Amino acid sequence: MKVIKIDKKDWTGGLGKLSGGYRLFGPVKDKEFHVFGELAKGSLPDFAFSNTRVSAKSLVFPQTEAMFRYSLDEKQADHHIMKEADKDYSPRAVFGIRPCDAAAFLLVKRNFDNPEYKDPWWVQAYQSYTFVGLACNDPCGTCFCTTAGCGPFHEEGLDILLADAGDHFIAKVLTEKGEKLIQSAGWKSGGDAAAMAAMKKTAEGRISSTVLMDKLKGKATMSLYDAAFWEETAFACLNCGTCTFVCPTCWCFDIQDENRGTSGVRMRNWDTCMSPIFTLHGTGHNPRGTKIHRVRQRFMHKLKYYVDKYGDGIQCVGCGRCVRSCPVNIDIRKVCELMNNYDPAACACPA
């Protein structure tokens, strides 16, 4: 893996060269928050942020996406025939994605790209990107990435990792896609790998928030499911869905048809397991009819079902967005601790 130095005076010129071969994306200011968006010609990604309010998942998995289009006009020969909506999968590069968001794509990939099923839209969009990460020199107080299988300088899922060193960036080139982008930008100067390693050590030392998950895999699933703490955990929940909206590893979606006149489009939209109608059956039966059911499902899926299925960690990268955004202060770190330490034999309440 090659390490190079990018002087900030060469940053704008390099991005300008890239704009001819890539669509460029990065964090941009949106009122008091930062979000990911496509960069206008000549504009730069705004790196003056701790983390974006919403994760980078919408780059690959849009909040609303057209899947098919059709016509109901029987005068047309192809009426009532679904046609795949036009897509643009030309090369793209996103700058400033945090390592936790890049790692989240690899967790989500198991749902959209696996031996049994490959979602064509997600796969093609994901493959079109070159991911240029921005290491976290000063992580948020709610970040617990180092104990969630990630970290402020985590490299997995990235093509290039940038570290801000003041008047320059140190860039670690991790993949062939990353090498191609670096060459296209014309950045060639040798970088200091030791300096980057020192920055990583300092950043990791600044993370004070942790989660314990060492016992989760060994817990009996039904024992956790029937635990007495779920009622108290769910008591304050509003079922607003904010946690799933900001989460980089939530992947639930709904499919709906939208018609106007004789034109129609089949849409895929983000959905949330926190919604009371998420599991509502056509018969009127709802297997998760109370918020206790829904809150338990969210945490059991991320912290137990996923662990049991894949055996290599929780379905969470420790970005802390749900902790910061929950209007009633439900904290995944505390729930994980409850689940990890749960002992039904020591519980005074009957299961």
Protein backbone atom coordinates (compact mmCIF):
# COMPACT_ATOMS: atom_id res chain seq x y z
CA MET A 1 0.00 0.00 0.00
CA LYS A 2 1.41 3.34 -1.10
CA VAL A 3 1.38 6.46 1.08
CA ILE A 4 1.51 9.85 -0.59
CA LYS A 5 1.41 13.50 0.44
CA ILE A 6 -1.15 15.88 -1.05
CA ASP A 7 -0.35 19.54 -0.43
CA LYS A 8 -3.57 21.46 0.08
CA LYS A 9 -2.43 23.96 -2.54
CA ASP A 10 -2.61 21.05 -5.02
CA TRP A 11 -5.97 19.80 -3.75
CA THR A 12 -8.24 21.95 -5.89
CA GLY A 13 -6.25 21.28 -9.05
CA GLY A 14 -6.35 17.54 -8.50
CA LEU A 15 -10.12 17.53 -8.00
CA GLY A 16 -10.45 19.61 -11.16
CA LYS A 17 -8.61 16.95 -13.13
CA LEU A 18 -10.82 14.25 -11.69
CA SER A 19 -14.05 16.05 -12.57
CA GLY A 20 -13.54 15.15 -16.21
CA GLY A 21 -13.67 11.40 -15.55
CA TYR A 22 -15.73 11.13 -12.36
CA ARG A 23 -18.88 12.52 -10.85
CA LEU A 24 -17.60 13.94 -7.56
CA PHE A 25 -19.43 13.74 -4.24
CA GLY A 26 -18.59 14.86 -0.74
CA PRO A 27 -19.86 16.49 2.46
CA VAL A 28 -21.56 19.86 1.92
CA LYS A 29 -23.04 22.26 4.46
CA ASP A 30 -26.84 22.12 4.78
CA LYS A 31 -27.89 24.78 7.30
CA GLU A 32 -26.25 23.72 10.58
CA PHE A 33 -25.49 20.16 9.42
CA HIS A 34 -23.42 18.42 6.77
CA VAL A 35 -24.82 15.98 4.22
CA PHE A 36 -23.38 14.12 1.25
CA GLY A 37 -24.14 15.63 -2.12
CA GLU A 38 -22.77 15.94 -5.64
CA LEU A 39 -20.16 18.67 -5.89
CA ALA A 40 -20.84 21.50 -8.30
CA LYS A 41 -18.11 22.25 -10.80
CA GLY A 42 -15.24 24.02 -9.08
CA SER A 43 -16.57 23.42 -5.55
CA LEU A 44 -14.75 21.45 -2.86
CA PRO A 45 -15.93 18.94 -0.26
CA ASP A 46 -16.35 20.67 3.10
CA PHE A 47 -14.20 18.81 5.62
CA ALA A 48 -15.07 21.14 8.51
CA PHE A 49 -17.37 18.58 10.15
CA SER A 50 -17.32 15.81 12.73
CA ASN A 51 -19.76 13.57 10.90
CA THR A 52 -22.67 14.02 8.54
CA ARG A 53 -26.12 14.02 10.09
CA VAL A 54 -27.27 11.22 7.80
CA SER A 55 -24.90 8.47 6.68
CA ALA A 56 -23.43 8.00 3.23
CA LYS A 57 -25.72 5.03 2.49
CA SER A 58 -27.97 7.19 0.31
CA LEU A 59 -25.17 7.49 -2.25
CA VAL A 60 -25.59 3.82 -3.13
CA PHE A 61 -29.08 3.17 -1.75
CA PRO A 62 -31.17 6.32 -2.40
CA GLN A 63 -33.97 7.23 -0.05
CA THR A 64 -36.31 7.07 -3.04
CA GLU A 65 -35.38 5.23 -6.23
CA ALA A 66 -37.27 4.50 -9.44
CA MET A 67 -37.08 0.80 -10.34
CA PHE A 68 -39.46 0.47 -13.31
CA ARG A 69 -41.63 2.69 -15.48
CA TYR A 70 -44.76 1.71 -17.37
CA SER A 71 -47.67 3.08 -19.35
CA LEU A 72 -51.36 2.34 -18.85
CA ASP A 73 -52.26 3.87 -22.20
CA GLU A 74 -53.69 1.00 -24.24
CA LYS A 75 -53.07 2.95 -27.42
CA GLN A 76 -49.36 2.24 -26.98
CA ALA A 77 -48.00 -1.13 -28.09
CA ASP A 78 -45.99 -1.60 -24.89
CA HIS A 79 -48.73 -0.66 -22.43
CA HIS A 80 -48.77 -2.45 -19.07
CA ILE A 81 -45.18 -3.62 -19.58
CA MET A 82 -42.61 -2.83 -16.91
CA LYS A 83 -39.43 -1.23 -18.26
CA GLU A 84 -36.37 -0.75 -16.09
CA ALA A 85 -35.86 2.90 -15.21
CA ASP A 86 -32.83 4.60 -16.75
CA LYS A 87 -29.80 4.71 -14.45
CA ASP A 88 -26.42 6.42 -14.52
CA TYR A 89 -23.61 4.20 -13.29
CA SER A 90 -20.75 6.26 -14.70
CA PRO A 91 -17.62 6.40 -12.48
CA ARG A 92 -18.06 8.36 -9.28
CA ALA A 93 -15.77 9.32 -6.43
CA VAL A 94 -16.88 10.32 -2.97
CA PHE A 95 -14.44 12.31 -0.83
CA GLY A 96 -14.67 12.62 2.94
CA ILE A 97 -16.64 9.49 3.77
CA ARG A 98 -15.85 8.50 7.34
CA PRO A 99 -14.32 5.05 7.90
CA CYS A 100 -17.40 3.91 9.83
CA ASP A 101 -19.68 4.65 6.87
CA ALA A 102 -17.37 2.81 4.48
CA ALA A 103 -17.32 -0.21 6.81
CA ALA A 104 -21.13 -0.06 7.00
CA PHE A 105 -21.40 -0.69 3.25
CA LEU A 106 -19.68 -4.05 3.79
CA LEU A 107 -22.29 -5.05 6.38
CA VAL A 108 -25.14 -3.91 4.13
CA LYS A 109 -23.52 -5.74 1.20
CA ARG A 110 -24.48 -9.04 2.81
CA ASN A 111 -28.12 -8.16 2.20
CA PHE A 112 -27.84 -6.77 -1.32
CA ASP A 113 -24.96 -8.79 -2.78
CA ASN A 114 -24.68 -12.40 -1.67
CA PRO A 115 -24.52 -15.85 -3.32
CA GLU A 116 -28.32 -16.25 -3.23
CA TYR A 117 -29.34 -12.78 -4.36
CA LYS A 118 -27.78 -9.76 -6.02
CA ASP A 119 -29.74 -6.54 -6.10
CA PRO A 120 -28.81 -5.10 -9.53
CA TRP A 121 -29.31 -1.45 -8.59
CA TRP A 122 -27.35 -1.58 -5.33
CA VAL A 123 -24.52 -3.65 -6.79
CA GLN A 124 -24.02 -1.46 -9.86
CA ALA A 125 -24.20 1.75 -7.84
CA TYR A 126 -21.73 0.44 -5.25
CA GLN A 127 -19.28 -0.70 -7.91
CA SER A 128 -19.39 2.69 -9.64
CA TYR A 129 -17.85 4.45 -6.64
CA THR A 130 -14.28 5.05 -5.59
CA PHE A 131 -14.40 5.66 -1.84
CA VAL A 132 -11.94 8.23 -0.51
CA GLY A 133 -12.22 8.23 3.26
CA LEU A 134 -11.39 10.96 5.73
CA ALA A 135 -9.93 9.70 8.99
CA CYS A 136 -11.35 11.08 12.24
CA ASN A 137 -8.61 12.97 14.05
CA ASP A 138 -11.06 14.08 16.72
CA PRO A 139 -13.93 11.56 17.05
CA CYS A 140 -17.33 12.51 18.48
CA GLY A 141 -17.98 11.79 22.14
CA THR A 142 -20.71 9.32 21.18
CA CYS A 143 -18.51 7.33 18.78
CA PHE A 144 -17.81 3.76 19.93
CA CYS A 145 -16.35 2.47 16.67
CA THR A 146 -13.21 0.88 18.13
CA THR A 147 -15.29 -1.67 20.05
CA ALA A 148 -17.74 -2.18 17.18
CA GLY A 149 -15.16 -3.65 14.81
CA CYS A 150 -14.20 -0.33 13.24
CA GLY A 151 -12.11 2.72 14.15
CA PRO A 152 -11.30 6.36 13.28
CA PHE A 153 -8.60 5.26 10.81
CA HIS A 154 -10.30 2.02 9.71
CA GLU A 155 -9.36 1.07 6.14
CA GLU A 156 -11.73 -1.76 5.19
CA GLY A 157 -14.23 -0.70 2.54
CA LEU A 158 -12.14 2.26 1.37
CA ASP A 159 -10.04 2.74 -1.76
CA ILE A 160 -8.05 5.61 -0.25
CA LEU A 161 -7.77 6.85 3.32
CA LEU A 162 -6.99 10.55 3.83
CA ALA A 163 -5.67 12.02 7.07
CA ASP A 164 -5.66 15.79 7.56
CA ALA A 165 -2.17 16.84 8.64
CA GLY A 166 -2.67 20.60 8.63
CA ASP A 167 -1.20 22.04 5.45
CA HIS A 168 -1.44 18.70 3.63
CA PHE A 169 -3.24 15.38 3.50
CA ILE A 170 -1.53 12.05 4.01
CA ALA A 171 -3.20 9.53 1.70
CA LYS A 172 -2.91 5.76 1.97
CA VAL A 173 -3.78 4.09 -1.34
CA LEU A 174 -5.55 0.82 -0.58
CA THR A 175 -6.89 -0.57 -3.87
CA GLU A 176 -6.39 -0.47 -7.63
CA LYS A 177 -9.35 1.88 -7.92
CA GLY A 178 -7.65 4.17 -5.45
CA GLU A 179 -4.38 4.03 -7.40
CA LYS A 180 -6.19 4.95 -10.61
CA LEU A 181 -7.82 7.97 -8.97
CA ILE A 182 -4.54 9.19 -7.48
CA GLN A 183 -2.85 8.95 -10.86
CA SER A 184 -5.72 10.74 -12.58
CA ALA A 185 -5.47 13.59 -10.06
CA GLY A 186 -1.72 13.90 -10.55
CA TRP A 187 -0.82 13.56 -6.87
CA LYS A 188 2.63 11.96 -6.70
CA SER A 189 4.64 13.17 -3.69
CA GLY A 190 5.78 10.58 -1.18
CA GLY A 191 4.00 10.60 2.18
CA ASP A 192 4.97 9.81 5.76
CA ALA A 193 3.46 6.48 6.83
CA ALA A 194 4.88 6.83 10.35
CA ALA A 195 3.15 10.17 10.83
CA MET A 196 -0.15 8.64 9.76
CA ALA A 197 0.33 5.74 12.19
CA ALA A 198 0.98 8.22 15.01
CA MET A 199 -2.20 10.14 14.14
CA LYS A 200 -4.15 6.90 14.20
CA LYS A 201 -2.89 6.00 17.67
CA THR A 202 -3.76 9.46 18.99
CA ALA A 203 -7.27 9.37 17.47
CA GLU A 204 -8.04 5.92 18.86
CA GLY A 205 -6.94 7.12 22.30
CA ARG A 206 -9.54 9.90 22.16
CA ILE A 207 -12.46 7.47 21.94
CA SER A 208 -13.88 7.07 25.42
CA SER A 209 -17.20 5.40 24.57
CA THR A 210 -17.30 1.60 24.33
CA VAL A 211 -19.68 -1.33 24.03
CA LEU A 212 -19.26 -4.85 25.33
CA MET A 213 -20.42 -7.64 23.03
CA ASP A 214 -18.21 -10.56 24.02
CA LYS A 215 -21.10 -12.59 25.48
CA LEU A 216 -23.78 -11.88 22.87
CA LYS A 217 -23.06 -14.89 20.68
CA GLY A 218 -23.32 -17.28 23.62
CA LYS A 219 -26.68 -15.97 24.81
CA ALA A 220 -29.77 -18.07 24.16
CA THR A 221 -31.85 -16.18 21.61
CA MET A 222 -35.23 -16.82 23.23
CA SER A 223 -33.85 -15.97 26.64
CA LEU A 224 -32.88 -12.51 25.39
CA TYR A 225 -36.16 -12.20 23.50
CA ASP A 226 -38.13 -12.82 26.70
CA ALA A 227 -35.93 -10.59 28.90
CA ALA A 228 -37.75 -8.31 31.32
CA PHE A 229 -35.79 -5.17 30.37
CA TRP A 230 -37.52 -4.65 27.00
CA GLU A 231 -40.56 -2.95 28.50
CA GLU A 232 -38.45 -0.32 30.25
CA THR A 233 -36.19 0.09 27.19
CA ALA A 234 -39.16 0.74 24.91
CA PHE A 235 -41.14 2.90 27.35
CA ALA A 236 -40.03 6.28 25.96
CA CYS A 237 -39.87 5.28 22.29
CA LEU A 238 -41.99 7.42 19.93
CA ASN A 239 -41.66 5.05 16.97
CA CYS A 240 -40.45 8.06 14.96
CA GLY A 241 -37.92 6.00 13.00
CA THR A 242 -35.11 8.55 13.38
CA CYS A 243 -32.69 5.82 14.47
CA THR A 244 -33.26 3.80 11.30
CA PHE A 245 -33.19 6.89 9.07
CA VAL A 246 -29.72 8.00 10.23
CA CYS A 247 -28.27 4.48 10.63
CA PRO A 248 -25.71 3.46 7.96
CA THR A 249 -26.52 -0.26 8.35
CA CYS A 250 -30.33 -0.18 8.16
CA TRP A 251 -31.53 -1.52 4.82
CA CYS A 252 -35.31 -1.99 5.03
CA PHE A 253 -37.33 -0.70 2.10
CA ASP A 254 -40.87 -0.70 0.71
CA ILE A 255 -41.97 -0.89 -2.94
CA GLN A 256 -44.90 1.19 -4.17
CA ASP A 257 -46.43 2.16 -7.50
CA GLU A 258 -47.08 5.82 -8.20
CA ASN A 259 -49.42 6.69 -11.08
CA ARG A 260 -50.25 9.97 -12.74
CA GLY A 261 -52.69 9.78 -15.59
CA THR A 262 -51.60 6.85 -17.73
CA SER A 263 -47.94 6.98 -16.60
CA GLY A 264 -46.63 4.94 -13.72
CA VAL A 265 -43.41 4.30 -11.85
CA ARG A 266 -42.53 1.56 -9.40
CA MET A 267 -40.52 3.10 -6.57
CA ARG A 268 -38.30 1.73 -3.85
CA ASN A 269 -38.38 3.81 -0.67
CA TRP A 270 -36.61 3.52 2.67
CA ASP A 271 -38.83 1.99 5.33
CA THR A 272 -38.45 1.51 9.06
CA CYS A 273 -39.13 -1.38 11.40
CA MET A 274 -40.14 1.26 13.97
CA SER A 275 -43.32 2.03 12.03
CA PRO A 276 -46.54 0.44 13.41
CA ILE A 277 -47.58 -0.51 9.87
CA PHE A 278 -44.22 -2.02 8.87
CA THR A 279 -45.41 -5.57 9.62
CA LEU A 280 -49.14 -5.02 9.23
CA HIS A 281 -50.66 -7.95 7.30
CA GLY A 282 -53.46 -7.65 4.79
CA THR A 283 -55.67 -9.55 7.23
CA GLY A 284 -55.23 -6.81 9.82
CA HIS A 285 -52.97 -8.96 11.99
CA ASN A 286 -49.73 -7.30 13.12
CA PRO A 287 -47.07 -9.60 14.63
CA ARG A 288 -45.25 -6.54 16.00
CA GLY A 289 -48.28 -4.60 17.11
CA THR A 290 -46.71 -2.79 20.08
CA LYS A 291 -43.66 -0.58 20.37
CA ILE A 292 -42.07 -3.14 22.70
CA HIS A 293 -42.17 -5.62 19.81
CA ARG A 294 -40.65 -3.07 17.44
CA VAL A 295 -37.90 -1.79 19.73
CA ARG A 296 -36.95 -5.35 20.64
CA GLN A 297 -36.82 -6.31 16.95
CA ARG A 298 -34.46 -3.45 16.10
CA PHE A 299 -31.95 -4.28 18.81
CA MET A 300 -32.27 -8.04 18.56
CA HIS A 301 -31.62 -7.85 14.81
CA LYS A 302 -28.53 -5.68 15.12
CA LEU A 303 -27.07 -7.20 18.26
CA LYS A 304 -28.20 -10.84 18.25
CA TYR A 305 -29.78 -12.21 15.05
CA TYR A 306 -26.99 -10.73 12.90
CA VAL A 307 -24.34 -12.03 15.30
CA ASP A 308 -25.85 -15.53 15.20
CA LYS A 309 -26.10 -15.57 11.40
CA TYR A 310 -22.64 -14.29 10.53
CA GLY A 311 -20.65 -14.84 13.71
CA ASP A 312 -18.23 -11.96 13.24
CA GLY A 313 -19.65 -8.93 15.02
CA ILE A 314 -22.74 -6.82 15.44
CA GLN A 315 -24.65 -5.04 12.68
CA CYS A 316 -23.35 -1.68 13.87
CA VAL A 317 -20.19 0.32 13.18
CA GLY A 318 -20.35 2.57 16.24
CA CYS A 319 -20.95 5.88 14.46
CA GLY A 320 -23.19 7.07 17.31
CA ARG A 321 -25.74 8.79 15.06
CA CYS A 322 -28.73 7.07 16.67
CA VAL A 323 -27.44 8.06 20.11
CA ARG A 324 -27.12 11.71 19.09
CA SER A 325 -30.41 11.86 17.17
CA CYS A 326 -32.88 9.93 19.32
CA PRO A 327 -35.36 12.50 20.72
CA VAL A 328 -35.96 10.43 23.86
CA ASN A 329 -32.34 9.36 24.49
CA ILE A 330 -32.62 5.63 23.84
CA ASP A 331 -28.97 4.54 23.71
CA ILE A 332 -27.81 1.47 21.77
CA ARG A 333 -24.71 1.28 23.97
CA LYS A 334 -26.83 0.80 27.08
CA VAL A 335 -29.07 -1.74 25.35
CA CYS A 336 -26.05 -3.69 24.18
CA GLU A 337 -24.75 -3.74 27.75
CA LEU A 338 -28.09 -5.00 29.03
CA MET A 339 -28.13 -7.78 26.45
CA ASN A 340 -24.48 -8.70 26.89
CA ASN A 341 -24.75 -8.96 30.68
CA TYR A 342 -28.23 -10.48 30.86
CA ASP A 343 -28.52 -13.51 33.13
CA PRO A 344 -32.04 -14.95 33.31
CA ALA A 345 -31.13 -16.94 36.39
CA ALA A 346 -30.28 -13.75 38.28
CA CYS A 347 -33.43 -11.92 37.17
CA ALA A 348 -35.93 -11.48 39.96
CA CYS A 349 -38.77 -11.16 37.46
CA PRO A 350 -40.17 -14.25 35.75
CA ALA A 351 -39.35 -14.50 32.06
